[in-house]
Amino acid sequence: MPSSLDPELRRALSDRIRYYHDLGIYDFYRRPAEPVEALAAARAPLPTRSIPELKDTDLNMPTSDPAATLRLIREDIGDCTRCRLHKQGRKQIVFGVGNPRADLMFIGEAPGADEDEKGEPFVGRAGQLLTNMIKAMGVGREDVYIANIIKCRPPGNRTPERDECETCSPFLLRQIEALGPKAIVALGAVAAKTLLAINAPMSELRGRWYDFRGTKLAVTYHPAFLLRDPRQKKETWKDLQMVMKELGLKAPERVPE
C-alpha cells in the first residue's frame, strides 16, 4: 500500500468522513480493499440512505392476520445470504419481536452482540433502557413491536453500510405493512435518516411528526446514546410524551428511571 494517498482520493475520503460525522457517526472500521476499489467507493455519490418503494409483488402475503404475515416474511428471509454480513460473523437473523397488532413500533439501527446471541432486538444494556422507556409510557414491552433497520449484526457493531440497508429494507417495509402501527419511533440518527432519507442533525429531526407511508413517525435518541450521555434523557422523554399524546397513553404515577 502506498505511503501517501492520491490527492483526489484524500479529498473524496475527507468529504465522506464529514458526511458520516454529520450523521453523528465517529467510529470507523477498516475493511481491506484494493486501491482502485477504494477510489471508486470514495468518488461514489454520498448516500441518501433512502428505502426502495414497496412493490405489489412484495405483498404476496395475507393482511388480515398480522402474526401469520410476519411468519411468512420471516420464512422469506430464511438464513439470509443477500449481503456480505452473513460472511462476517453474524450468528443469526434478528427479525423483530412484540405484539403483531401493536399500535406503536420502535425501529433501531442494527443488532449488537447480545441481540445476535439471543436472536431478539434490544436485549442488552440499551435494550434494558428501552424497556424502561416503554414502561414509562404506560405500556409494556409485550404491547409494542421492536425491529431494526437491518437484521444481522455488523462486525464490531459498526454502522450499517448503504447497500446493507437497501438490501434489508424491503423486509422491514413488509413488517411495517403487516403491523399497520399508528405510530413509529425511529431510535437514533441512522434509523431516522434511513427511513426518512433526510440528512439533518438530530436536533432538527426531533420534536415533530413525519408522514412515513401513511404512518406517523417520530424521532428520538437511541438508548445506546443515552447510556453514553444520560443528560439527553429529558429530551427523549419529551419525544416520548409527544408519542403518548398521539396514542392517548397515560404514564404511570412513578416514571421508571
Protein backbone atom coordinates (compact mmCIF):
# COMPACT_ATOMS: atom_id res chain seq x y z
CA MET A 1 0.00 0.00 0.00
CA PRO A 2 1.44 3.43 -0.91
CA SER A 3 2.68 5.57 1.97
CA SER A 4 0.59 8.55 0.81
CA LEU A 5 -2.86 8.83 -0.73
CA ASP A 6 -3.64 10.26 -4.11
CA PRO A 7 -4.78 13.91 -3.51
CA GLU A 8 -8.09 13.29 -5.26
CA LEU A 9 -8.74 10.19 -3.17
CA ARG A 10 -7.80 12.07 0.00
CA ARG A 11 -10.32 14.83 -0.80
CA ALA A 12 -13.05 12.30 -1.59
CA LEU A 13 -12.42 10.40 1.64
CA SER A 14 -12.48 13.63 3.63
CA ASP A 15 -15.85 14.55 2.13
CA ARG A 16 -17.24 11.13 3.02
CA ILE A 17 -15.93 11.28 6.59
CA ARG A 18 -17.52 14.71 7.06
CA TYR A 19 -20.80 13.27 5.80
CA TYR A 20 -20.73 10.49 8.41
CA HIS A 21 -19.77 12.97 11.12
CA ASP A 22 -22.92 14.91 10.21
CA LEU A 23 -24.82 11.69 10.87
CA GLY A 24 -23.29 11.50 14.32
CA ILE A 25 -21.01 8.60 13.35
CA TYR A 26 -17.45 8.84 14.59
CA ASP A 27 -16.28 5.21 14.86
CA PHE A 28 -14.96 3.63 11.68
CA TYR A 29 -13.82 0.11 10.91
CA ARG A 30 -11.34 -0.73 8.21
CA ARG A 31 -12.22 -3.24 5.53
CA PRO A 32 -9.43 -4.37 3.16
CA ALA A 33 -9.90 -3.05 -0.37
CA GLU A 34 -7.85 -2.61 -3.50
CA PRO A 35 -6.76 0.99 -4.13
CA VAL A 36 -8.88 1.20 -7.29
CA GLU A 37 -11.94 -0.05 -5.39
CA ALA A 38 -11.29 2.43 -2.59
CA LEU A 39 -11.05 5.30 -5.06
CA ALA A 40 -14.29 4.26 -6.77
CA ALA A 41 -16.08 3.99 -3.43
CA ALA A 42 -14.85 7.38 -2.27
CA ARG A 43 -15.89 9.00 -5.55
CA ALA A 44 -19.37 7.50 -5.36
CA PRO A 45 -22.22 9.91 -4.57
CA LEU A 46 -22.88 10.37 -0.87
CA PRO A 47 -25.65 8.02 0.25
CA THR A 48 -29.15 9.35 0.77
CA ARG A 49 -29.98 6.23 2.81
CA SER A 50 -33.34 6.05 1.07
CA ILE A 51 -35.57 2.99 1.14
CA PRO A 52 -36.84 1.44 -2.11
CA GLU A 53 -40.53 1.62 -2.86
CA LEU A 54 -42.64 -1.31 -1.72
CA LYS A 55 -43.90 -3.17 -4.79
CA ASP A 56 -47.14 -5.08 -5.14
CA THR A 57 -45.09 -8.24 -5.67
CA ASP A 58 -43.64 -7.74 -2.19
CA LEU A 59 -47.11 -8.07 -0.71
CA ASN A 60 -47.76 -11.68 -1.67
CA MET A 61 -48.99 -12.40 1.80
CA PRO A 62 -52.17 -12.31 3.90
CA THR A 63 -53.03 -8.98 5.53
CA SER A 64 -55.91 -9.96 7.84
CA ASP A 65 -53.64 -11.88 10.24
CA PRO A 66 -50.51 -9.86 11.08
CA ALA A 67 -48.92 -12.74 13.01
CA ALA A 68 -49.25 -15.07 10.02
CA THR A 69 -47.94 -12.36 7.73
CA LEU A 70 -44.88 -11.82 9.91
CA ARG A 71 -44.19 -15.56 9.89
CA LEU A 72 -44.28 -15.54 6.09
CA ILE A 73 -41.86 -12.62 5.96
CA ARG A 74 -39.51 -14.45 8.30
CA GLU A 75 -39.71 -17.55 6.11
CA ASP A 76 -38.91 -15.44 3.05
CA ILE A 77 -35.77 -14.11 4.73
CA GLY A 78 -34.58 -17.61 5.60
CA ASP A 79 -30.92 -17.94 6.55
CA CYS A 80 -30.25 -14.81 4.56
CA THR A 81 -27.17 -14.55 2.31
CA ARG A 82 -28.29 -11.48 0.36
CA CYS A 83 -25.49 -9.20 1.60
CA ARG A 84 -21.96 -9.58 2.92
CA LEU A 85 -22.97 -9.69 6.59
CA HIS A 86 -23.67 -13.43 6.51
CA LYS A 87 -19.95 -13.92 5.87
CA GLN A 88 -18.80 -11.50 8.57
CA GLY A 89 -19.56 -13.32 11.78
CA ARG A 90 -23.26 -12.89 12.36
CA LYS A 91 -24.76 -15.83 14.26
CA GLN A 92 -28.41 -15.48 13.35
CA ILE A 93 -31.13 -13.28 11.91
CA VAL A 94 -32.64 -10.83 14.40
CA PHE A 95 -36.10 -10.42 12.91
CA GLY A 96 -38.23 -8.46 15.34
CA VAL A 97 -40.31 -9.07 18.43
CA GLY A 98 -43.53 -7.93 20.03
CA ASN A 99 -47.25 -7.63 19.53
CA PRO A 100 -48.20 -8.23 15.87
CA ARG A 101 -51.16 -5.88 16.35
CA ALA A 102 -49.17 -3.17 18.13
CA ASP A 103 -50.16 0.47 17.76
CA LEU A 104 -46.55 1.51 18.46
CA MET A 105 -43.39 0.32 16.72
CA PHE A 106 -39.77 1.11 17.60
CA ILE A 107 -37.07 0.83 14.93
CA GLY A 108 -33.39 0.85 15.82
CA GLU A 109 -30.21 0.60 13.80
CA ALA A 110 -28.81 -2.95 13.90
CA PRO A 111 -28.39 -5.89 16.27
CA GLY A 112 -25.45 -5.89 18.67
CA ALA A 113 -23.58 -8.80 20.24
CA ASP A 114 -26.30 -9.60 22.80
CA GLU A 115 -29.01 -9.45 20.16
CA ASP A 116 -27.01 -11.63 17.77
CA GLU A 117 -26.58 -14.19 20.55
CA LYS A 118 -30.25 -14.29 21.55
CA GLY A 119 -31.92 -13.54 18.22
CA GLU A 120 -34.05 -10.73 19.64
CA PRO A 121 -33.63 -6.95 19.22
CA PHE A 122 -32.70 -4.71 22.15
CA VAL A 123 -31.84 -7.25 24.85
CA GLY A 124 -28.51 -5.80 26.05
CA ARG A 125 -27.96 -2.71 28.23
CA ALA A 126 -29.52 -0.47 25.60
CA GLY A 127 -32.44 -2.87 25.42
CA GLN A 128 -32.99 -2.70 29.16
CA LEU A 129 -33.13 1.07 28.92
CA LEU A 130 -35.58 0.86 26.01
CA THR A 131 -37.78 -1.46 28.09
CA ASN A 132 -37.80 1.17 30.87
CA MET A 133 -38.63 3.88 28.35
CA ILE A 134 -41.59 1.83 27.13
CA LYS A 135 -42.78 1.25 30.71
CA ALA A 136 -42.54 4.98 31.34
CA MET A 137 -45.04 5.47 28.52
CA GLY A 138 -47.59 3.36 30.39
CA VAL A 139 -47.32 0.20 28.26
CA GLY A 140 -45.28 -2.99 28.37
CA ARG A 141 -42.62 -4.25 26.02
CA GLU A 142 -45.02 -7.01 25.03
CA ASP A 143 -47.52 -4.36 23.84
CA VAL A 144 -45.23 -2.79 21.21
CA TYR A 145 -43.21 -4.13 18.29
CA ILE A 146 -39.43 -3.70 18.05
CA ALA A 147 -37.23 -4.15 14.98
CA ASN A 148 -34.07 -2.77 13.35
CA ILE A 149 -33.15 -1.28 10.00
CA ILE A 150 -31.03 -4.37 9.28
CA LYS A 151 -31.41 -7.85 10.74
CA CYS A 152 -27.79 -9.01 11.04
CA ARG A 153 -25.07 -7.76 13.36
CA PRO A 154 -22.36 -5.82 11.51
CA PRO A 155 -18.84 -6.86 12.53
CA GLY A 156 -17.60 -4.92 15.54
CA ASN A 157 -21.03 -3.27 15.79
CA ARG A 158 -20.01 -0.88 13.02
CA THR A 159 -22.61 1.33 11.35
CA PRO A 160 -24.60 -0.46 8.62
CA GLU A 161 -23.47 0.41 5.12
CA ARG A 162 -25.76 1.78 2.43
CA ASP A 163 -26.06 -1.41 0.39
CA GLU A 164 -26.76 -3.46 3.53
CA CYS A 165 -29.62 -1.13 4.46
CA GLU A 166 -31.01 -1.19 0.93
CA THR A 167 -30.88 -4.99 0.82
CA CYS A 168 -32.66 -5.44 4.15
CA SER A 169 -35.13 -2.54 4.00
CA PRO A 170 -37.81 -4.27 1.88
CA PHE A 171 -38.32 -6.83 4.66
CA LEU A 172 -38.68 -4.06 7.23
CA LEU A 173 -41.23 -2.32 5.00
CA ARG A 174 -43.21 -5.55 4.78
CA GLN A 175 -43.14 -5.83 8.58
CA ILE A 176 -44.47 -2.27 8.90
CA GLU A 177 -47.14 -3.01 6.30
CA ALA A 178 -48.19 -6.17 8.17
CA LEU A 179 -48.29 -4.46 11.57
CA GLY A 180 -50.04 -1.28 10.48
CA PRO A 181 -48.95 0.64 13.60
CA LYS A 182 -50.46 4.00 14.45
CA ALA A 183 -47.01 5.42 15.25
CA ILE A 184 -43.36 4.57 14.65
CA VAL A 185 -40.44 5.80 16.74
CA ALA A 186 -37.08 5.86 14.96
CA LEU A 187 -34.31 5.36 17.50
CA GLY A 188 -31.18 7.29 16.57
CA ALA A 189 -29.77 9.08 13.56
CA VAL A 190 -29.13 6.03 11.38
CA ALA A 191 -32.69 4.71 11.71
CA ALA A 192 -34.22 8.16 11.24
CA LYS A 193 -32.16 9.13 8.21
CA THR A 194 -32.54 5.75 6.56
CA LEU A 195 -36.31 5.78 6.92
CA LEU A 196 -36.81 9.44 6.06
CA ALA A 197 -33.94 9.93 3.57
CA ILE A 198 -33.19 13.25 5.27
CA ASN A 199 -29.63 14.33 6.04
CA ALA A 200 -30.12 16.54 9.08
CA PRO A 201 -28.82 16.58 12.67
CA MET A 202 -30.86 15.01 15.44
CA SER A 203 -31.64 18.45 16.84
CA GLU A 204 -33.61 19.17 13.65
CA LEU A 205 -35.13 15.71 13.23
CA ARG A 206 -36.64 15.50 16.70
CA GLY A 207 -39.75 17.21 18.06
CA ARG A 208 -42.12 16.77 15.11
CA TRP A 209 -44.15 14.18 13.25
CA TYR A 210 -43.31 12.82 9.81
CA ASP A 211 -45.60 11.05 7.38
CA PHE A 212 -43.96 7.72 6.64
CA ARG A 213 -46.04 5.90 4.03
CA GLY A 214 -49.24 6.92 5.76
CA THR A 215 -47.96 6.25 9.30
CA LYS A 216 -46.86 8.92 11.75
CA LEU A 217 -43.16 8.71 12.58
CA ALA A 218 -41.26 10.43 15.39
CA VAL A 219 -37.51 10.56 16.02
CA THR A 220 -35.65 10.29 19.30
CA TYR A 221 -32.24 9.32 20.62
CA HIS A 222 -31.04 5.72 20.54
CA PRO A 223 -30.89 4.11 24.01
CA ALA A 224 -27.20 3.30 23.46
CA PHE A 225 -26.54 7.03 23.01
CA LEU A 226 -28.45 7.76 26.23
CA LEU A 227 -26.19 5.35 28.09
CA ARG A 228 -23.23 7.44 26.93
CA ASP A 229 -24.94 10.78 27.54
CA PRO A 230 -27.68 10.49 30.20
CA ARG A 231 -28.24 14.26 30.03
CA GLN A 232 -30.35 13.68 26.91
CA LYS A 233 -32.89 11.52 28.76
CA LYS A 234 -35.02 14.58 29.48
CA GLU A 235 -35.13 15.45 25.78
CA THR A 236 -36.01 11.86 24.94
CA TRP A 237 -38.86 11.95 27.46
CA LYS A 238 -40.25 15.00 25.64
CA ASP A 239 -40.24 13.00 22.40
CA LEU A 240 -41.98 10.06 24.05
CA GLN A 241 -44.59 12.34 25.60
CA MET A 242 -45.43 13.60 22.12
CA VAL A 243 -45.98 9.99 21.05
CA MET A 244 -48.05 9.26 24.16
CA LYS A 245 -50.31 12.21 23.44
CA GLU A 246 -50.88 10.98 19.90
CA LEU A 247 -51.76 7.47 21.09
CA GLY A 248 -53.74 8.54 24.15
CA LEU A 249 -51.33 6.90 26.59
CA LYS A 250 -51.00 7.89 30.23
CA ALA A 251 -47.75 7.49 32.12
CA PRO A 252 -47.76 5.62 35.43
CA GLU A 253 -47.55 7.73 38.57
CA ARG A 254 -43.93 6.77 39.11
CA VAL A 255 -41.85 7.03 35.93
CA PRO A 256 -39.10 4.36 35.71
CA GLU A 257 -35.52 5.59 35.63
